[in-house]
Structures are given as C-alpha cells and as structure tokens.
C-alpha cells in the first residue's frame, strides 16, 4: 500500500479530519454521542499522556482511526483498552486495521503495558462479526462480564 502511513497524533496536530471520521464511525455504529462531545473528547484525548489516538492516512485523506487508553491497576500494572477502531469502507480488507492495531501494540509495549482489551458491542458483532476478527489478532474471552454505569455530569 504505497503512500499509506499510520501514526499517533500529538498535541497541536490538526484534528478536523479525525473528528469527522470519528463522528462518521459513531453514526454508522448507531451510537448517540453528540458530535460536540466526540470533538471535545478527541481534542482532550490527544493531550493525555495515557491515551493514544492513531490515524491511517492515504492520498492525503484520513482513512482509519484507532484509540487506546492506559489504566494502572493491581492485577496487571499497566493495561489498556482499545476504544475505537474504524476504517472507511473503501479501505476495508486491505490491512489498514491491522496496521492501526500494530501501531497501538507498539505504543503499549513502549509504555510497559501487560496487555489490552477490546469491547465488541452487540451491534458490531451482529453487523460486522468483529469477535472473529479480534480472535484472529490473538484476543480471547476471559469470561469477565463488563458492567457500565453512567454518572451524572
């Protein structure tokens, strides 16, 4: 894939195309997060040392995005969660997602992370069969149940 590059965005980088891609991703996947929240959280994430915001660019166009957040705990020390992974439809099946995942793994290794997890939503599994994709990358279920509680802001 000539001309394709993947990298971690840094504070001060132009985030407009990345925010647009994340909004597109959230809409396609049926999330109701408001656009302005996606934009604000993207701008905040790129400033955090414990987060990584990665993009794939081809022909001067942002064609993929992936996010990861580090967490420190007693059980594993540093670990992480890949929160988002999206590649535009025209670029799917061409290895772009794998390049984004590899960039995240290199970042996590450099940070001393013991491992990382990904959450596959029921929608993503039903419409995209993502569990099989992640299993091919070496992810496996630990049998843990993830429960989530929204907090008032």
C-alpha atoms as a PDB file:
ATOM      1  CA  UNK A   1       0.000   0.000   0.000  1.00  0.00           C
ATOM      2  CA  UNK A   2       2.126   2.793  -1.303  1.00  0.00           C
ATOM      3  CA  UNK A   3       1.607   6.148   0.351  1.00  0.00           C
ATOM      4  CA  UNK A   4      -0.180   4.740   3.377  1.00  0.00           C
ATOM      5  CA  UNK A   5       1.092   5.913   6.733  1.00  0.00           C
ATOM      6  CA  UNK A   6      -0.038   5.266  10.289  1.00  0.00           C
ATOM      7  CA  UNK A   7       0.912   7.375  13.251  1.00  0.00           C
ATOM      8  CA  UNK A   8      -0.045   8.703  16.642  1.00  0.00           C
ATOM      9  CA  UNK A   9      -1.479  12.203  16.705  1.00  0.00           C
ATOM     10  CA  UNK A  10       0.156  14.713  19.024  1.00  0.00           C
ATOM     11  CA  UNK A  11      -0.960  17.855  20.802  1.00  0.00           C
ATOM     12  CA  UNK A  12      -1.122  20.645  18.226  1.00  0.00           C
ATOM     13  CA  UNK A  13      -1.936  18.395  15.250  1.00  0.00           C
ATOM     14  CA  UNK A  14      -4.917  19.269  13.063  1.00  0.00           C
ATOM     15  CA  UNK A  15      -7.767  17.064  14.282  1.00  0.00           C
ATOM     16  CA  UNK A  16     -10.561  18.103  11.893  1.00  0.00           C
ATOM     17  CA  UNK A  17     -10.417  15.036   9.619  1.00  0.00           C
ATOM     18  CA  UNK A  18     -10.017  12.701  12.593  1.00  0.00           C
ATOM     19  CA  UNK A  19     -13.035  14.192  14.359  1.00  0.00           C
ATOM     20  CA  UNK A  20     -15.073  13.896  11.146  1.00  0.00           C
ATOM     21  CA  UNK A  21     -14.081  10.248  10.811  1.00  0.00           C
ATOM     22  CA  UNK A  22     -14.958   9.504  14.444  1.00  0.00           C
ATOM     23  CA  UNK A  23     -18.362  11.193  14.049  1.00  0.00           C
ATOM     24  CA  UNK A  24     -18.957   9.088  10.918  1.00  0.00           C
ATOM     25  CA  UNK A  25     -17.961   5.937  12.804  1.00  0.00           C
ATOM     26  CA  UNK A  26     -20.247   6.685  15.759  1.00  0.00           C
ATOM     27  CA  UNK A  27     -23.202   7.408  13.461  1.00  0.00           C
ATOM     28  CA  UNK A  28     -22.649   4.256  11.374  1.00  0.00           C
ATOM     29  CA  UNK A  29     -22.489   2.142  14.515  1.00  0.00           C
ATOM     30  CA  UNK A  30     -25.640   3.676  15.997  1.00  0.00           C
ATOM     31  CA  UNK A  31     -24.095   5.495  18.977  1.00  0.00           C
ATOM     32  CA  UNK A  32     -25.941   8.622  20.099  1.00  0.00           C
ATOM     33  CA  UNK A  33     -22.927  10.540  21.401  1.00  0.00           C
ATOM     34  CA  UNK A  34     -23.373  14.164  20.274  1.00  0.00           C
ATOM     35  CA  UNK A  35     -20.915  15.451  17.672  1.00  0.00           C
ATOM     36  CA  UNK A  36     -19.659  18.186  20.003  1.00  0.00           C
ATOM     37  CA  UNK A  37     -18.852  15.594  22.696  1.00  0.00           C
ATOM     38  CA  UNK A  38     -16.929  13.480  20.174  1.00  0.00           C
ATOM     39  CA  UNK A  39     -14.997  16.581  19.109  1.00  0.00           C
ATOM     40  CA  UNK A  40     -14.253  17.723  22.677  1.00  0.00           C
ATOM     41  CA  UNK A  41     -13.162  14.252  23.798  1.00  0.00           C
ATOM     42  CA  UNK A  42     -10.950  13.838  20.725  1.00  0.00           C
ATOM     43  CA  UNK A  43      -9.220  17.143  21.479  1.00  0.00           C
ATOM     44  CA  UNK A  44      -8.780  16.097  25.125  1.00  0.00           C
ATOM     45  CA  UNK A  45      -7.534  12.600  24.277  1.00  0.00           C
ATOM     46  CA  UNK A  46      -4.702  13.838  22.066  1.00  0.00           C
ATOM     47  CA  UNK A  47      -3.389  15.852  25.023  1.00  0.00           C
ATOM     48  CA  UNK A  48      -3.340  12.948  27.507  1.00  0.00           C
ATOM     49  CA  UNK A  49      -0.107  11.042  28.034  1.00  0.00           C
ATOM     50  CA  UNK A  50      -2.068   7.909  28.968  1.00  0.00           C
ATOM     51  CA  UNK A  51      -4.002   7.811  25.694  1.00  0.00           C
ATOM     52  CA  UNK A  52      -3.167   7.226  22.076  1.00  0.00           C
ATOM     53  CA  UNK A  53      -5.071   8.498  19.070  1.00  0.00           C
ATOM     54  CA  UNK A  54      -3.820   6.827  15.886  1.00  0.00           C
ATOM     55  CA  UNK A  55      -4.728   7.555  12.283  1.00  0.00           C
ATOM     56  CA  UNK A  56      -4.126   5.921   8.926  1.00  0.00           C
ATOM     57  CA  UNK A  57      -3.633   8.350   6.055  1.00  0.00           C
ATOM     58  CA  UNK A  58      -3.579   7.537   2.338  1.00  0.00           C
ATOM     59  CA  UNK A  59      -3.554  10.003  -0.539  1.00  0.00           C
ATOM     60  CA  UNK A  60      -3.748  12.879   1.993  1.00  0.00           C
ATOM     61  CA  UNK A  61      -7.030  11.526   3.372  1.00  0.00           C
ATOM     62  CA  UNK A  62      -7.659  10.117   6.853  1.00  0.00           C
ATOM     63  CA  UNK A  63      -8.977   6.618   6.134  1.00  0.00           C
ATOM     64  CA  UNK A  64      -8.746   4.988   9.559  1.00  0.00           C
ATOM     65  CA  UNK A  65      -8.653   5.786  13.241  1.00  0.00           C
ATOM     66  CA  UNK A  66      -7.983   3.853  16.435  1.00  0.00           C
ATOM     67  CA  UNK A  67      -7.914   4.914  20.084  1.00  0.00           C
ATOM     68  CA  UNK A  68      -6.398   3.370  23.180  1.00  0.00           C
ATOM     69  CA  UNK A  69      -6.402   4.345  26.862  1.00  0.00           C
ATOM     70  CA  UNK A  70      -3.989   3.113  29.514  1.00  0.00           C
ATOM     71  CA  UNK A  71      -5.047   2.167  33.030  1.00  0.00           C
ATOM     72  CA  UNK A  72      -2.987   1.164  36.048  1.00  0.00           C
ATOM     73  CA  UNK A  73      -4.235  -1.479  38.452  1.00  0.00           C
ATOM     74  CA  UNK A  74      -3.028  -4.007  40.989  1.00  0.00           C
ATOM     75  CA  UNK A  75      -3.762  -7.098  38.892  1.00  0.00           C
ATOM     76  CA  UNK A  76      -1.778  -6.187  35.754  1.00  0.00           C
ATOM     77  CA  UNK A  77       0.042  -2.939  36.413  1.00  0.00           C
ATOM     78  CA  UNK A  78      -0.321  -1.015  33.148  1.00  0.00           C
ATOM     79  CA  UNK A  79      -3.011  -2.372  30.842  1.00  0.00           C
ATOM     80  CA  UNK A  80      -5.233  -0.707  28.282  1.00  0.00           C
ATOM     81  CA  UNK A  81      -8.433  -0.734  26.302  1.00  0.00           C
ATOM     82  CA  UNK A  82      -8.661  -0.120  22.592  1.00  0.00           C
ATOM     83  CA  UNK A  83     -11.785   2.003  22.497  1.00  0.00           C
ATOM     84  CA  UNK A  84     -12.319   2.598  18.812  1.00  0.00           C
ATOM     85  CA  UNK A  85     -11.149   1.064  15.550  1.00  0.00           C
ATOM     86  CA  UNK A  86     -12.615   2.308  12.280  1.00  0.00           C
ATOM     87  CA  UNK A  87     -11.571   2.111   8.640  1.00  0.00           C
ATOM     88  CA  UNK A  88     -13.578   3.698   5.824  1.00  0.00           C
ATOM     89  CA  UNK A  89     -15.470   1.138   3.727  1.00  0.00           C
ATOM     90  CA  UNK A  90     -13.320   1.609   0.579  1.00  0.00           C
ATOM     91  CA  UNK A  91     -10.185   0.682   2.545  1.00  0.00           C
ATOM     92  CA  UNK A  92     -11.520  -2.314   4.475  1.00  0.00           C
ATOM     93  CA  UNK A  93      -9.921  -5.677   3.805  1.00  0.00           C
ATOM     94  CA  UNK A  94      -6.624  -4.065   2.773  1.00  0.00           C
ATOM     95  CA  UNK A  95      -4.740  -4.403   6.062  1.00  0.00           C
ATOM     96  CA  UNK A  96      -5.348  -0.863   7.353  1.00  0.00           C
ATOM     97  CA  UNK A  97      -6.970  -2.026  10.605  1.00  0.00           C
ATOM     98  CA  UNK A  98      -4.072  -4.412  11.192  1.00  0.00           C
ATOM     99  CA  UNK A  99      -1.602  -1.534  10.771  1.00  0.00           C
ATOM    100  CA  UNK A 100      -3.535   0.568  13.276  1.00  0.00           C
ATOM    101  CA  UNK A 101      -3.606  -2.328  15.758  1.00  0.00           C
ATOM    102  CA  UNK A 102       0.135  -2.876  15.285  1.00  0.00           C
ATOM    103  CA  UNK A 103       0.786   0.807  15.994  1.00  0.00           C
ATOM    104  CA  UNK A 104      -1.274   0.576  19.179  1.00  0.00           C
ATOM    105  CA  UNK A 105       0.588  -2.550  20.268  1.00  0.00           C
ATOM    106  CA  UNK A 106       3.968  -0.882  19.697  1.00  0.00           C
ATOM    107  CA  UNK A 107       2.808   2.131  21.719  1.00  0.00           C
ATOM    108  CA  UNK A 108       1.570  -0.113  24.550  1.00  0.00           C
ATOM    109  CA  UNK A 109       4.785  -2.133  24.574  1.00  0.00           C
ATOM    110  CA  UNK A 110       6.792   1.087  24.849  1.00  0.00           C
ATOM    111  CA  UNK A 111       4.647   2.039  27.841  1.00  0.00           C
ATOM    112  CA  UNK A 112       5.144  -1.320  29.588  1.00  0.00           C
ATOM    113  CA  UNK A 113       1.532  -2.478  29.290  1.00  0.00           C
ATOM    114  CA  UNK A 114       0.886  -6.109  30.230  1.00  0.00           C
ATOM    115  CA  UNK A 115      -1.978  -6.384  27.732  1.00  0.00           C
ATOM    116  CA  UNK A 116      -5.080  -4.719  26.450  1.00  0.00           C
ATOM    117  CA  UNK A 117      -8.721  -5.422  25.841  1.00  0.00           C
ATOM    118  CA  UNK A 118     -11.345  -4.511  23.317  1.00  0.00           C
ATOM    119  CA  UNK A 119     -15.101  -4.435  23.832  1.00  0.00           C
ATOM    120  CA  UNK A 120     -17.209  -5.746  20.976  1.00  0.00           C
ATOM    121  CA  UNK A 121     -20.705  -4.292  21.105  1.00  0.00           C
ATOM    122  CA  UNK A 122     -23.667  -6.487  20.174  1.00  0.00           C
ATOM    123  CA  UNK A 123     -24.304  -4.276  17.115  1.00  0.00           C
ATOM    124  CA  UNK A 124     -20.724  -4.639  15.893  1.00  0.00           C
ATOM    125  CA  UNK A 125     -20.811  -8.383  16.352  1.00  0.00           C
ATOM    126  CA  UNK A 126     -24.148  -8.776  14.579  1.00  0.00           C
ATOM    127  CA  UNK A 127     -23.293  -6.492  11.655  1.00  0.00           C
ATOM    128  CA  UNK A 128     -19.548  -6.998  11.267  1.00  0.00           C
ATOM    129  CA  UNK A 129     -18.600 -10.261  13.017  1.00  0.00           C
ATOM    130  CA  UNK A 130     -15.855  -8.432  14.884  1.00  0.00           C
ATOM    131  CA  UNK A 131     -15.304 -11.096  17.534  1.00  0.00           C
ATOM    132  CA  UNK A 132     -13.799 -13.385  14.866  1.00  0.00           C
ATOM    133  CA  UNK A 133     -11.561 -10.573  13.590  1.00  0.00           C
ATOM    134  CA  UNK A 134     -10.230  -9.860  17.080  1.00  0.00           C
ATOM    135  CA  UNK A 135      -9.758 -13.566  17.810  1.00  0.00           C
ATOM    136  CA  UNK A 136      -7.520 -13.776  14.721  1.00  0.00           C
ATOM    137  CA  UNK A 137      -5.444 -10.991  16.284  1.00  0.00           C
ATOM    138  CA  UNK A 138      -4.984 -13.042  19.454  1.00  0.00           C
ATOM    139  CA  UNK A 139      -7.771 -11.677  21.645  1.00  0.00           C
ATOM    140  CA  UNK A 140      -9.735 -14.182  23.681  1.00  0.00           C
ATOM    141  CA  UNK A 141     -12.556 -14.012  26.168  1.00  0.00           C
ATOM    142  CA  UNK A 142     -11.592 -14.208  29.813  1.00  0.00           C
ATOM    143  CA  UNK A 143     -15.216 -14.785  30.724  1.00  0.00           C
ATOM    144  CA  UNK A 144     -15.414 -11.479  32.581  1.00  0.00           C
ATOM    145  CA  UNK A 145     -18.631  -9.514  32.435  1.00  0.00           C
ATOM    146  CA  UNK A 146     -18.264  -5.788  31.879  1.00  0.00           C
ATOM    147  CA  UNK A 147     -20.940  -3.692  33.558  1.00  0.00           C
ATOM    148  CA  UNK A 148     -21.187   0.033  32.989  1.00  0.00           C
ATOM    149  CA  UNK A 149     -22.832   2.796  34.975  1.00  0.00           C
ATOM    150  CA  UNK A 150     -23.356   6.309  33.619  1.00  0.00           C
ATOM    151  CA  UNK A 151     -22.555   9.099  36.045  1.00  0.00           C
ATOM    152  CA  UNK A 152     -24.342  12.435  36.138  1.00  0.00           C
ATOM    153  CA  UNK A 153     -22.208  15.255  34.795  1.00  0.00           C
END
